[in-house]
Amino acid sequence: LLLRLYFTFRAPNVAVPKETLIYIPTGSNYNDVLNILANN
């Protein structure tokens, strides 16, 4: 359980090798954000 909590909350989950800027347009909803993260 602790490992699951760690990997879920605390473990690194960024796939990009360097800082990446993500733009969330005005009016976006939660699903839009998920799509933006997936597309990038």
PDB file of all heavy atoms in Angstrom:
ATOM      1  N   LEU A   1       0.829  -1.211   0.000  1.00  0.00           N
ATOM      2  CA  LEU A   1       0.000   0.000   0.000  1.00  0.00           C
ATOM      3  C   LEU A   1       0.861   1.258   0.000  1.00  0.00           C
ATOM      4  O   LEU A   1       0.567   2.233  -0.710  1.00  0.00           O
ATOM      5  CB  LEU A   1      -0.941  -0.010   1.210  1.00  0.00           C
ATOM      6  CG  LEU A   1      -2.116  -0.984   1.150  1.00  0.00           C
ATOM      7  CD1 LEU A   1      -2.869  -0.989   2.483  1.00  0.00           C
ATOM      8  CD2 LEU A   1      -3.059  -0.612   0.014  1.00  0.00           C
ATOM      9  N   LEU A   2       1.926   1.209   0.817  1.00  0.00           N
ATOM     10  CA  LEU A   2       2.818   2.365   0.860  1.00  0.00           C
ATOM     11  C   LEU A   2       3.498   2.580  -0.485  1.00  0.00           C
ATOM     12  O   LEU A   2       3.648   3.725  -0.947  1.00  0.00           O
ATOM     13  CB  LEU A   2       3.865   2.184   1.955  1.00  0.00           C
ATOM     14  CG  LEU A   2       3.363   2.320   3.397  1.00  0.00           C
ATOM     15  CD1 LEU A   2       4.459   1.959   4.392  1.00  0.00           C
ATOM     16  CD2 LEU A   2       2.870   3.746   3.658  1.00  0.00           C
ATOM     17  N   LEU A   3       3.912   1.480  -1.096  1.00  0.00           N
ATOM     18  CA  LEU A   3       4.534   1.587  -2.411  1.00  0.00           C
ATOM     19  C   LEU A   3       3.552   2.139  -3.438  1.00  0.00           C
ATOM     20  O   LEU A   3       3.913   2.977  -4.275  1.00  0.00           O
ATOM     21  CB  LEU A   3       5.057   0.223  -2.864  1.00  0.00           C
ATOM     22  CG  LEU A   3       6.322  -0.277  -2.171  1.00  0.00           C
ATOM     23  CD1 LEU A   3       6.627  -1.711  -2.592  1.00  0.00           C
ATOM     24  CD2 LEU A   3       7.502   0.632  -2.490  1.00  0.00           C
ATOM     25  N   ARG A   4       2.303   1.663  -3.349  1.00  0.00           N
ATOM     26  CA  ARG A   4       1.286   2.156  -4.298  1.00  0.00           C
ATOM     27  C   ARG A   4       1.044   3.652  -4.089  1.00  0.00           C
ATOM     28  O   ARG A   4       0.929   4.415  -5.061  1.00  0.00           O
ATOM     29  CB  ARG A   4      -0.007   1.375  -4.129  1.00  0.00           C
ATOM     30  CG  ARG A   4      -1.069   1.806  -5.131  1.00  0.00           C
ATOM     31  CD  ARG A   4      -2.324   0.986  -5.010  1.00  0.00           C
ATOM     32  NE  ARG A   4      -3.304   1.426  -5.988  1.00  0.00           N
ATOM     33  CZ  ARG A   4      -4.517   0.911  -6.102  1.00  0.00           C
ATOM     34  NH1 ARG A   4      -4.912  -0.076  -5.303  1.00  0.00           N
ATOM     35  NH2 ARG A   4      -5.364   1.379  -7.017  1.00  0.00           N
ATOM     36  N   LEU A   5       0.959   4.038  -2.799  1.00  0.00           N
ATOM     37  CA  LEU A   5       0.760   5.467  -2.512  1.00  0.00           C
ATOM     38  C   LEU A   5       1.959   6.286  -3.012  1.00  0.00           C
ATOM     39  O   LEU A   5       1.801   7.373  -3.559  1.00  0.00           O
ATOM     40  CB  LEU A   5       0.565   5.682  -1.011  1.00  0.00           C
ATOM     41  CG  LEU A   5      -0.777   5.231  -0.435  1.00  0.00           C
ATOM     42  CD1 LEU A   5      -0.756   5.331   1.085  1.00  0.00           C
ATOM     43  CD2 LEU A   5      -1.919   6.063  -1.009  1.00  0.00           C
ATOM     44  N   TYR A   6       3.159   5.723  -2.802  1.00  0.00           N
ATOM     45  CA  TYR A   6       4.351   6.441  -3.253  1.00  0.00           C
ATOM     46  C   TYR A   6       4.341   6.615  -4.768  1.00  0.00           C
ATOM     47  O   TYR A   6       4.542   7.726  -5.283  1.00  0.00           O
ATOM     48  CB  TYR A   6       5.613   5.689  -2.826  1.00  0.00           C
ATOM     49  CG  TYR A   6       6.859   6.232  -3.457  1.00  0.00           C
ATOM     50  CD1 TYR A   6       7.442   7.414  -2.998  1.00  0.00           C
ATOM     51  CD2 TYR A   6       7.440   5.582  -4.549  1.00  0.00           C
ATOM     52  CE1 TYR A   6       8.574   7.933  -3.600  1.00  0.00           C
ATOM     53  CE2 TYR A   6       8.578   6.100  -5.155  1.00  0.00           C
ATOM     54  CZ  TYR A   6       9.136   7.275  -4.683  1.00  0.00           C
ATOM     55  OH  TYR A   6      10.252   7.786  -5.285  1.00  0.00           O
ATOM     56  N   PHE A   7       4.122   5.521  -5.481  1.00  0.00           N
ATOM     57  CA  PHE A   7       4.145   5.604  -6.941  1.00  0.00           C
ATOM     58  C   PHE A   7       2.990   6.445  -7.483  1.00  0.00           C
ATOM     59  O   PHE A   7       3.124   7.079  -8.534  1.00  0.00           O
ATOM     60  CB  PHE A   7       4.101   4.196  -7.552  1.00  0.00           C
ATOM     61  CG  PHE A   7       5.426   3.506  -7.534  1.00  0.00           C
ATOM     62  CD1 PHE A   7       5.656   2.425  -6.696  1.00  0.00           C
ATOM     63  CD2 PHE A   7       6.471   3.952  -8.329  1.00  0.00           C
ATOM     64  CE1 PHE A   7       6.898   1.801  -6.666  1.00  0.00           C
ATOM     65  CE2 PHE A   7       7.714   3.330  -8.313  1.00  0.00           C
ATOM     66  CZ  PHE A   7       7.930   2.252  -7.468  1.00  0.00           C
ATOM     67  N   THR A   8       1.891   6.462  -6.738  1.00  0.00           N
ATOM     68  CA  THR A   8       0.748   7.265  -7.195  1.00  0.00           C
ATOM     69  C   THR A   8       0.950   8.741  -6.915  1.00  0.00           C
ATOM     70  O   THR A   8       0.725   9.590  -7.793  1.00  0.00           O
ATOM     71  CB  THR A   8      -0.556   6.785  -6.524  1.00  0.00           C
ATOM     72  OG1 THR A   8      -0.780   5.421  -6.851  1.00  0.00           O
ATOM     73  CG2 THR A   8      -1.741   7.623  -6.991  1.00  0.00           C
ATOM     74  N   PHE A   9       1.406   9.081  -5.709  1.00  0.00           N
ATOM     75  CA  PHE A   9       1.473  10.482  -5.290  1.00  0.00           C
ATOM     76  C   PHE A   9       2.874  11.097  -5.413  1.00  0.00           C
ATOM     77  O   PHE A   9       3.000  12.256  -5.798  1.00  0.00           O
ATOM     78  CB  PHE A   9       0.999  10.619  -3.836  1.00  0.00           C
ATOM     79  CG  PHE A   9      -0.487  10.542  -3.672  1.00  0.00           C
ATOM     80  CD1 PHE A   9      -1.121   9.317  -3.543  1.00  0.00           C
ATOM     81  CD2 PHE A   9      -1.270  11.682  -3.647  1.00  0.00           C
ATOM     82  CE1 PHE A   9      -2.500   9.232  -3.384  1.00  0.00           C
ATOM     83  CE2 PHE A   9      -2.640  11.620  -3.494  1.00  0.00           C
ATOM     84  CZ  PHE A   9      -3.265  10.377  -3.365  1.00  0.00           C
ATOM     85  N   ARG A  10       3.902  10.340  -5.071  1.00  0.00           N
ATOM     86  CA  ARG A  10       5.224  10.947  -4.899  1.00  0.00           C
ATOM     87  C   ARG A  10       6.248  10.586  -5.964  1.00  0.00           C
ATOM     88  O   ARG A  10       7.199  11.339  -6.191  1.00  0.00           O
ATOM     89  CB  ARG A  10       5.792  10.548  -3.530  1.00  0.00           C
ATOM     90  CG  ARG A  10       4.942  10.997  -2.353  1.00  0.00           C
ATOM     91  CD  ARG A  10       4.841  12.506  -2.291  1.00  0.00           C
ATOM     92  NE  ARG A  10       4.034  12.954  -1.152  1.00  0.00           N
ATOM     93  CZ  ARG A  10       3.667  14.213  -0.959  1.00  0.00           C
ATOM     94  NH1 ARG A  10       4.067  15.153  -1.826  1.00  0.00           N
ATOM     95  NH2 ARG A  10       2.930  14.543   0.074  1.00  0.00           N
ATOM     96  N   ALA A  11       6.094   9.475  -6.605  1.00  0.00           N
ATOM     97  CA  ALA A  11       7.103   9.061  -7.581  1.00  0.00           C
ATOM     98  C   ALA A  11       7.079   9.967  -8.808  1.00  0.00           C
ATOM     99  O   ALA A  11       6.016  10.477  -9.200  1.00  0.00           O
ATOM    100  CB  ALA A  11       6.856   7.614  -8.008  1.00  0.00           C
ATOM    101  N   PRO A  12       8.230  10.227  -9.426  1.00  0.00           N
ATOM    102  CA  PRO A  12       8.256  11.051 -10.649  1.00  0.00           C
ATOM    103  C   PRO A  12       7.364  10.451 -11.732  1.00  0.00           C
ATOM    104  O   PRO A  12       7.389   9.247 -11.954  1.00  0.00           O
ATOM    105  CB  PRO A  12       9.731  11.013 -11.058  1.00  0.00           C
ATOM    106  CG  PRO A  12      10.471  10.726  -9.793  1.00  0.00           C
ATOM    107  CD  PRO A  12       9.577   9.809  -9.014  1.00  0.00           C
ATOM    108  N   ASN A  13       6.585  11.316 -12.376  1.00  0.00           N
ATOM    109  CA  ASN A  13       5.673  10.827 -13.420  1.00  0.00           C
ATOM    110  C   ASN A  13       5.731  11.709 -14.663  1.00  0.00           C
ATOM    111  O   ASN A  13       4.796  11.747 -15.446  1.00  0.00           O
ATOM    112  CB  ASN A  13       4.238  10.759 -12.880  1.00  0.00           C
ATOM    113  CG  ASN A  13       3.313   9.980 -13.809  1.00  0.00           C
ATOM    114  OD1 ASN A  13       3.741   9.051 -14.498  1.00  0.00           O
ATOM    115  ND2 ASN A  13       2.044  10.377 -13.860  1.00  0.00           N
ATOM    116  N   VAL A  14       6.834  12.431 -14.821  1.00  0.00           N
ATOM    117  CA  VAL A  14       7.007  13.276 -15.999  1.00  0.00           C
ATOM    118  C   VAL A  14       7.849  12.528 -17.015  1.00  0.00           C
ATOM    119  O   VAL A  14       8.936  12.037 -16.693  1.00  0.00           O
ATOM    120  CB  VAL A  14       7.669  14.621 -15.634  1.00  0.00           C
ATOM    121  CG1 VAL A  14       7.991  15.417 -16.886  1.00  0.00           C
ATOM    122  CG2 VAL A  14       6.743  15.428 -14.725  1.00  0.00           C
ATOM    123  N   ALA A  15       7.356  12.444 -18.230  1.00  0.00           N
ATOM    124  CA  ALA A  15       8.027  11.658 -19.269  1.00  0.00           C
ATOM    125  C   ALA A  15       9.043  12.468 -20.070  1.00  0.00           C
ATOM    126  O   ALA A  15       9.893  11.906 -20.745  1.00  0.00           O
ATOM    127  CB  ALA A  15       6.987  11.054 -20.208  1.00  0.00           C
ATOM    128  N   VAL A  16       8.955  13.797 -20.017  1.00  0.00           N
ATOM    129  CA  VAL A  16       9.822  14.637 -20.855  1.00  0.00           C
ATOM    130  C   VAL A  16      11.184  14.820 -20.184  1.00  0.00           C
ATOM    131  O   VAL A  16      11.281  14.905 -18.959  1.00  0.00           O
ATOM    132  CB  VAL A  16       9.163  16.007 -21.122  1.00  0.00           C
ATOM    133  CG1 VAL A  16       7.973  15.847 -22.041  1.00  0.00           C
ATOM    134  CG2 VAL A  16       8.744  16.679 -19.824  1.00  0.00           C
ATOM    135  N   PRO A  17      12.267  14.899 -20.972  1.00  0.00           N
ATOM    136  CA  PRO A  17      13.614  14.991 -20.408  1.00  0.00           C
ATOM    137  C   PRO A  17      14.008  16.393 -19.950  1.00  0.00           C
ATOM    138  O   PRO A  17      15.019  16.564 -19.270  1.00  0.00           O
ATOM    139  CB  PRO A  17      14.499  14.529 -21.565  1.00  0.00           C
ATOM    140  CG  PRO A  17      13.739  14.924 -22.792  1.00  0.00           C
ATOM    141  CD  PRO A  17      12.285  14.739 -22.444  1.00  0.00           C
ATOM    142  N   LYS A  18      13.250  17.402 -20.340  1.00  0.00           N
ATOM    143  CA  LYS A  18      13.556  18.771 -19.918  1.00  0.00           C
ATOM    144  C   LYS A  18      12.245  19.533 -19.696  1.00  0.00           C
ATOM    145  O   LYS A  18      11.163  19.052 -20.051  1.00  0.00           O
ATOM    146  CB  LYS A  18      14.403  19.484 -20.968  1.00  0.00           C
ATOM    147  CG  LYS A  18      13.735  19.609 -22.321  1.00  0.00           C
ATOM    148  CD  LYS A  18      14.658  20.314 -23.326  1.00  0.00           C
ATOM    149  CE  LYS A  18      13.985  20.446 -24.691  1.00  0.00           C
ATOM    150  NZ  LYS A  18      14.855  21.133 -25.669  1.00  0.00           N
ATOM    151  N   GLU A  19      12.351  20.710 -19.100  1.00  0.00           N
ATOM    152  CA  GLU A  19      11.151  21.505 -18.808  1.00  0.00           C
ATOM    153  C   GLU A  19      10.325  21.704 -20.075  1.00  0.00           C
ATOM    154  O   GLU A  19      10.828  22.101 -21.116  1.00  0.00           O
ATOM    155  CB  GLU A  19      11.540  22.860 -18.227  1.00  0.00           C
ATOM    156  CG  GLU A  19      10.342  23.749 -17.918  1.00  0.00           C
ATOM    157  CD  GLU A  19      10.740  25.079 -17.304  1.00  0.00           C
ATOM    158  OE1 GLU A  19      11.067  25.103 -16.102  1.00  0.00           O
ATOM    159  OE2 GLU A  19      10.738  26.087 -18.046  1.00  0.00           O
ATOM    160  N   THR A  20       9.049  21.431 -19.954  1.00  0.00           N
ATOM    161  CA  THR A  20       8.120  21.562 -21.073  1.00  0.00           C
ATOM    162  C   THR A  20       6.943  22.432 -20.659  1.00  0.00           C
ATOM    163  O   THR A  20       6.346  22.204 -19.606  1.00  0.00           O
ATOM    164  CB  THR A  20       7.612  20.184 -21.531  1.00  0.00           C
ATOM    165  OG1 THR A  20       8.727  19.389 -21.947  1.00  0.00           O
ATOM    166  CG2 THR A  20       6.626  20.319 -22.689  1.00  0.00           C
ATOM    167  N   LEU A  21       6.628  23.427 -21.476  1.00  0.00           N
ATOM    168  CA  LEU A  21       5.517  24.320 -21.170  1.00  0.00           C
ATOM    169  C   LEU A  21       4.235  23.779 -21.789  1.00  0.00           C
ATOM    170  O   LEU A  21       4.195  23.443 -22.967  1.00  0.00           O
ATOM    171  CB  LEU A  21       5.805  25.726 -21.694  1.00  0.00           C
ATOM    172  CG  LEU A  21       7.054  26.414 -21.130  1.00  0.00           C
ATOM    173  CD1 LEU A  21       7.214  27.809 -21.722  1.00  0.00           C
ATOM    174  CD2 LEU A  21       7.009  26.478 -19.609  1.00  0.00           C
ATOM    175  N   ILE A  22       3.203  23.718 -20.969  1.00  0.00           N
ATOM    176  CA  ILE A  22       1.898  23.245 -21.411  1.00  0.00           C
ATOM    177  C   ILE A  22       0.903  24.389 -21.269  1.00  0.00           C
ATOM    178  O   ILE A  22       0.821  25.028 -20.215  1.00  0.00           O
ATOM    179  CB  ILE A  22       1.434  22.036 -20.573  1.00  0.00           C
ATOM    180  CG1 ILE A  22       2.398  20.868 -20.760  1.00  0.00           C
ATOM    181  CG2 ILE A  22       0.016  21.622 -20.947  1.00  0.00           C
ATOM    182  CD1 ILE A  22       2.495  20.361 -22.188  1.00  0.00           C
ATOM    183  N   TYR A  23       0.154  24.646 -22.336  1.00  0.00           N
ATOM    184  CA  TYR A  23      -0.788  25.764 -22.354  1.00  0.00           C
ATOM    185  C   TYR A  23      -2.211  25.232 -22.268  1.00  0.00           C
ATOM    186  O   TYR A  23      -2.646  24.433 -23.107  1.00  0.00           O
ATOM    187  CB  TYR A  23      -0.609  26.578 -23.634  1.00  0.00           C
ATOM    188  CG  TYR A  23       0.785  27.136 -23.792  1.00  0.00           C
ATOM    189  CD1 TYR A  23       1.776  26.413 -24.465  1.00  0.00           C
ATOM    190  CD2 TYR A  23       1.132  28.370 -23.243  1.00  0.00           C
ATOM    191  CE1 TYR A  23       3.063  26.914 -24.600  1.00  0.00           C
ATOM    192  CE2 TYR A  23       2.413  28.879 -23.370  1.00  0.00           C
ATOM    193  CZ  TYR A  23       3.369  28.142 -24.049  1.00  0.00           C
ATOM    194  OH  TYR A  23       4.651  28.646 -24.164  1.00  0.00           O
ATOM    195  N   ILE A  24      -2.924  25.705 -21.251  1.00  0.00           N
ATOM    196  CA  ILE A  24      -4.324  25.320 -21.060  1.00  0.00           C
ATOM    197  C   ILE A  24      -5.191  26.534 -21.379  1.00  0.00           C
ATOM    198  O   ILE A  24      -5.206  27.513 -20.629  1.00  0.00           O
ATOM    199  CB  ILE A  24      -4.574  24.842 -19.626  1.00  0.00           C
ATOM    200  CG1 ILE A  24      -3.695  23.618 -19.328  1.00  0.00           C
ATOM    201  CG2 ILE A  24      -6.054  24.510 -19.409  1.00  0.00           C
ATOM    202  CD1 ILE A  24      -3.787  23.120 -17.911  1.00  0.00           C
ATOM    203  N   PRO A  25      -5.907  26.503 -22.501  1.00  0.00           N
ATOM    204  CA  PRO A  25      -6.699  27.670 -22.914  1.00  0.00           C
ATOM    205  C   PRO A  25      -7.849  27.972 -21.951  1.00  0.00           C
ATOM    206  O   PRO A  25      -8.339  27.085 -21.237  1.00  0.00           O
ATOM    207  CB  PRO A  25      -7.237  27.255 -24.294  1.00  0.00           C
ATOM    208  CG  PRO A  25      -6.348  26.146 -24.736  1.00  0.00           C
ATOM    209  CD  PRO A  25      -5.942  25.430 -23.489  1.00  0.00           C
ATOM    210  N   THR A  26      -8.253  29.235 -21.950  1.00  0.00           N
ATOM    211  CA  THR A  26      -9.412  29.652 -21.166  1.00  0.00           C
ATOM    212  C   THR A  26     -10.650  28.869 -21.628  1.00  0.00           C
ATOM    213  O   THR A  26     -10.869  28.701 -22.822  1.00  0.00           O
ATOM    214  CB  THR A  26      -9.661  31.154 -21.343  1.00  0.00           C
ATOM    215  OG1 THR A  26      -8.507  31.863 -20.854  1.00  0.00           O
ATOM    216  CG2 THR A  26     -10.900  31.612 -20.584  1.00  0.00           C
ATOM    217  N   GLY A  27     -11.428  28.408 -20.654  1.00  0.00           N
ATOM    218  CA  GLY A  27     -12.631  27.642 -20.968  1.00  0.00           C
ATOM    219  C   GLY A  27     -12.411  26.140 -21.020  1.00  0.00           C
ATOM    220  O   GLY A  27     -13.364  25.382 -21.228  1.00  0.00           O
ATOM    221  N   SER A  28     -11.168  25.698 -20.820  1.00  0.00           N
ATOM    222  CA  SER A  28     -10.892  24.259 -20.854  1.00  0.00           C
ATOM    223  C   SER A  28     -11.497  23.562 -19.647  1.00  0.00           C
ATOM    224  O   SER A  28     -11.566  24.120 -18.543  1.00  0.00           O
ATOM    225  CB  SER A  28      -9.378  24.015 -20.864  1.00  0.00           C
ATOM    226  OG  SER A  28      -8.781  24.543 -22.023  1.00  0.00           O
ATOM    227  N   ASN A  29     -11.934  22.310 -19.830  1.00  0.00           N
ATOM    228  CA  ASN A  29     -12.404  21.498 -18.716  1.00  0.00           C
ATOM    229  C   ASN A  29     -11.391  20.397 -18.413  1.00  0.00           C
ATOM    230  O   ASN A  29     -10.327  20.316 -19.054  1.00  0.00           O
ATOM    231  CB  ASN A  29     -13.795  20.911 -19.010  1.00  0.00           C
ATOM    232  CG  ASN A  29     -13.810  20.053 -20.270  1.00  0.00           C
ATOM    233  OD1 ASN A  29     -12.816  19.395 -20.598  1.00  0.00           O
ATOM    234  ND2 ASN A  29     -14.930  20.064 -20.985  1.00  0.00           N
ATOM    235  N   TYR A  30     -11.722  19.547 -17.464  1.00  0.00           N
ATOM    236  CA  TYR A  30     -10.794  18.511 -17.018  1.00  0.00           C
ATOM    237  C   TYR A  30     -10.403  17.564 -18.150  1.00  0.00           C
ATOM    238  O   TYR A  30      -9.223  17.235 -18.311  1.00  0.00           O
ATOM    239  CB  TYR A  30     -11.433  17.743 -15.861  1.00  0.00           C
ATOM    240  CG  TYR A  30     -10.608  16.588 -15.362  1.00  0.00           C
ATOM    241  CD1 TYR A  30      -9.349  16.785 -14.820  1.00  0.00           C
ATOM    242  CD2 TYR A  30     -11.117  15.283 -15.419  1.00  0.00           C
ATOM    243  CE1 TYR A  30      -8.588  15.716 -14.345  1.00  0.00           C
ATOM    244  CE2 TYR A  30     -10.375  14.209 -14.945  1.00  0.00           C
ATOM    245  CZ  TYR A  30      -9.113  14.430 -14.413  1.00  0.00           C
ATOM    246  OH  TYR A  30      -8.370  13.371 -13.958  1.00  0.00           O
ATOM    247  N   ASN A  31     -11.376  17.148 -18.946  1.00  0.00           N
ATOM    248  CA  ASN A  31     -11.074  16.246 -20.067  1.00  0.00           C
ATOM    249  C   ASN A  31     -10.160  16.918 -21.085  1.00  0.00           C
ATOM    250  O   ASN A  31      -9.304  16.267 -21.692  1.00  0.00           O
ATOM    251  CB  ASN A  31     -12.365  15.781 -20.740  1.00  0.00           C
ATOM    252  CG  ASN A  31     -13.114  14.768 -19.898  1.00  0.00           C
ATOM    253  OD1 ASN A  31     -12.499  14.001 -19.151  1.00  0.00           O
ATOM    254  ND2 ASN A  31     -14.437  14.767 -20.001  1.00  0.00           N
ATOM    255  N   ASP A  32     -10.350  18.225 -21.282  1.00  0.00           N
ATOM    256  CA  ASP A  32      -9.462  18.964 -22.191  1.00  0.00           C
ATOM    257  C   ASP A  32      -8.021  18.903 -21.688  1.00  0.00           C
ATOM    258  O   ASP A  32      -7.078  18.726 -22.472  1.00  0.00           O
ATOM    259  CB  ASP A  32      -9.906  20.417 -22.314  1.00  0.00           C
ATOM    260  CG  ASP A  32     -11.254  20.568 -22.985  1.00  0.00           C
ATOM    261  OD1 ASP A  32     -11.581  19.753 -23.860  1.00  0.00           O
ATOM    262  OD2 ASP A  32     -11.994  21.520 -22.628  1.00  0.00           O
ATOM    263  N   VAL A  33      -7.866  19.067 -20.364  1.00  0.00           N
ATOM    264  CA  VAL A  33      -6.525  19.033 -19.783  1.00  0.00           C
ATOM    265  C   VAL A  33      -5.885  17.665 -20.002  1.00  0.00           C
ATOM    266  O   VAL A  33      -4.714  17.567 -20.400  1.00  0.00           O
ATOM    267  CB  VAL A  33      -6.574  19.368 -18.279  1.00  0.00           C
ATOM    268  CG1 VAL A  33      -5.192  19.178 -17.647  1.00  0.00           C
ATOM    269  CG2 VAL A  33      -7.049  20.795 -18.064  1.00  0.00           C
ATOM    270  N   LEU A  34      -6.649  16.609 -19.773  1.00  0.00           N
ATOM    271  CA  LEU A  34      -6.123  15.259 -19.986  1.00  0.00           C
ATOM    272  C   LEU A  34      -5.685  15.061 -21.436  1.00  0.00           C
ATOM    273  O   LEU A  34      -4.633  14.460 -21.709  1.00  0.00           O
ATOM    274  CB  LEU A  34      -7.166  14.220 -19.601  1.00  0.00           C
ATOM    275  CG  LEU A  34      -7.549  14.147 -18.112  1.00  0.00           C
ATOM    276  CD1 LEU A  34      -8.622  13.081 -17.895  1.00  0.00           C
ATOM    277  CD2 LEU A  34      -6.332  13.872 -17.240  1.00  0.00           C
ATOM    278  N   ASN A  35      -6.490  15.574 -22.356  1.00  0.00           N
ATOM    279  CA  ASN A  35      -6.141  15.441 -23.777  1.00  0.00           C
ATOM    280  C   ASN A  35      -4.876  16.223 -24.116  1.00  0.00           C
ATOM    281  O   ASN A  35      -4.025  15.759 -24.894  1.00  0.00           O
ATOM    282  CB  ASN A  35      -7.299  15.917 -24.650  1.00  0.00           C
ATOM    283  CG  ASN A  35      -8.476  14.962 -24.624  1.00  0.00           C
ATOM    284  OD1 ASN A  35      -8.296  13.752 -24.429  1.00  0.00           O
ATOM    285  ND2 ASN A  35      -9.681  15.486 -24.809  1.00  0.00           N
ATOM    286  N   ILE A  36      -4.744  17.420 -23.535  1.00  0.00           N
ATOM    287  CA  ILE A  36      -3.556  18.237 -23.780  1.00  0.00           C
ATOM    288  C   ILE A  36      -2.314  17.532 -23.264  1.00  0.00           C
ATOM    289  O   ILE A  36      -1.276  17.474 -23.942  1.00  0.00           O
ATOM    290  CB  ILE A  36      -3.715  19.630 -23.124  1.00  0.00           C
ATOM    291  CG1 ILE A  36      -4.800  20.436 -23.842  1.00  0.00           C
ATOM    292  CG2 ILE A  36      -2.390  20.390 -23.139  1.00  0.00           C
ATOM    293  CD1 ILE A  36      -5.214  21.700 -23.113  1.00  0.00           C
ATOM    294  N   LEU A  37      -2.408  16.965 -22.059  1.00  0.00           N
ATOM    295  CA  LEU A  37      -1.262  16.251 -21.489  1.00  0.00           C
ATOM    296  C   LEU A  37      -0.919  15.021 -22.315  1.00  0.00           C
ATOM    297  O   LEU A  37       0.264  14.713 -22.540  1.00  0.00           O
ATOM    298  CB  LEU A  37      -1.574  15.855 -20.043  1.00  0.00           C
ATOM    299  CG  LEU A  37      -1.758  17.011 -19.053  1.00  0.00           C
ATOM    300  CD1 LEU A  37      -2.147  16.475 -17.680  1.00  0.00           C
ATOM    301  CD2 LEU A  37      -0.495  17.861 -18.960  1.00  0.00           C
ATOM    302  N   ALA A  38      -1.940  14.325 -22.773  1.00  0.00           N
ATOM    303  CA  ALA A  38      -1.703  13.129 -23.580  1.00  0.00           C
ATOM    304  C   ALA A  38      -1.085  13.483 -24.924  1.00  0.00           C
ATOM    305  O   ALA A  38      -0.140  12.829 -25.384  1.00  0.00           O
ATOM    306  CB  ALA A  38      -3.015  12.368 -23.767  1.00  0.00           C
ATOM    307  N   ASN A  39      -1.612  14.508 -25.561  1.00  0.00           N
ATOM    308  CA  ASN A  39      -1.105  14.904 -26.884  1.00  0.00           C
ATOM    309  C   ASN A  39       0.349  15.382 -26.825  1.00  0.00           C
ATOM    310  O   ASN A  39       1.101  15.216 -27.785  1.00  0.00           O
ATOM    311  CB  ASN A  39      -1.988  15.996 -27.488  1.00  0.00           C
ATOM    312  CG  ASN A  39      -3.363  15.501 -27.856  1.00  0.00           C
ATOM    313  OD1 ASN A  39      -3.561  14.305 -28.086  1.00  0.00           O
ATOM    314  ND2 ASN A  39      -4.345  16.400 -27.908  1.00  0.00           N
ATOM    315  N   ASN A  40       0.707  15.977 -25.690  1.00  0.00           N
ATOM    316  CA  ASN A  40       2.082  16.462 -25.533  1.00  0.00           C
ATOM    317  C   ASN A  40       3.003  15.404 -24.921  1.00  0.00           C
ATOM    318  O   ASN A  40       4.192  15.679 -24.708  1.00  0.00           O
ATOM    319  CB  ASN A  40       2.092  17.732 -24.679  1.00  0.00           C
ATOM    320  CG  ASN A  40       1.599  18.956 -25.424  1.00  0.00           C
ATOM    321  OD1 ASN A  40       2.354  19.606 -26.127  1.00  0.00           O
ATOM    322  ND2 ASN A  40       0.319  19.274 -25.280  1.00  0.00           N
TER     323      ASN A  40
END
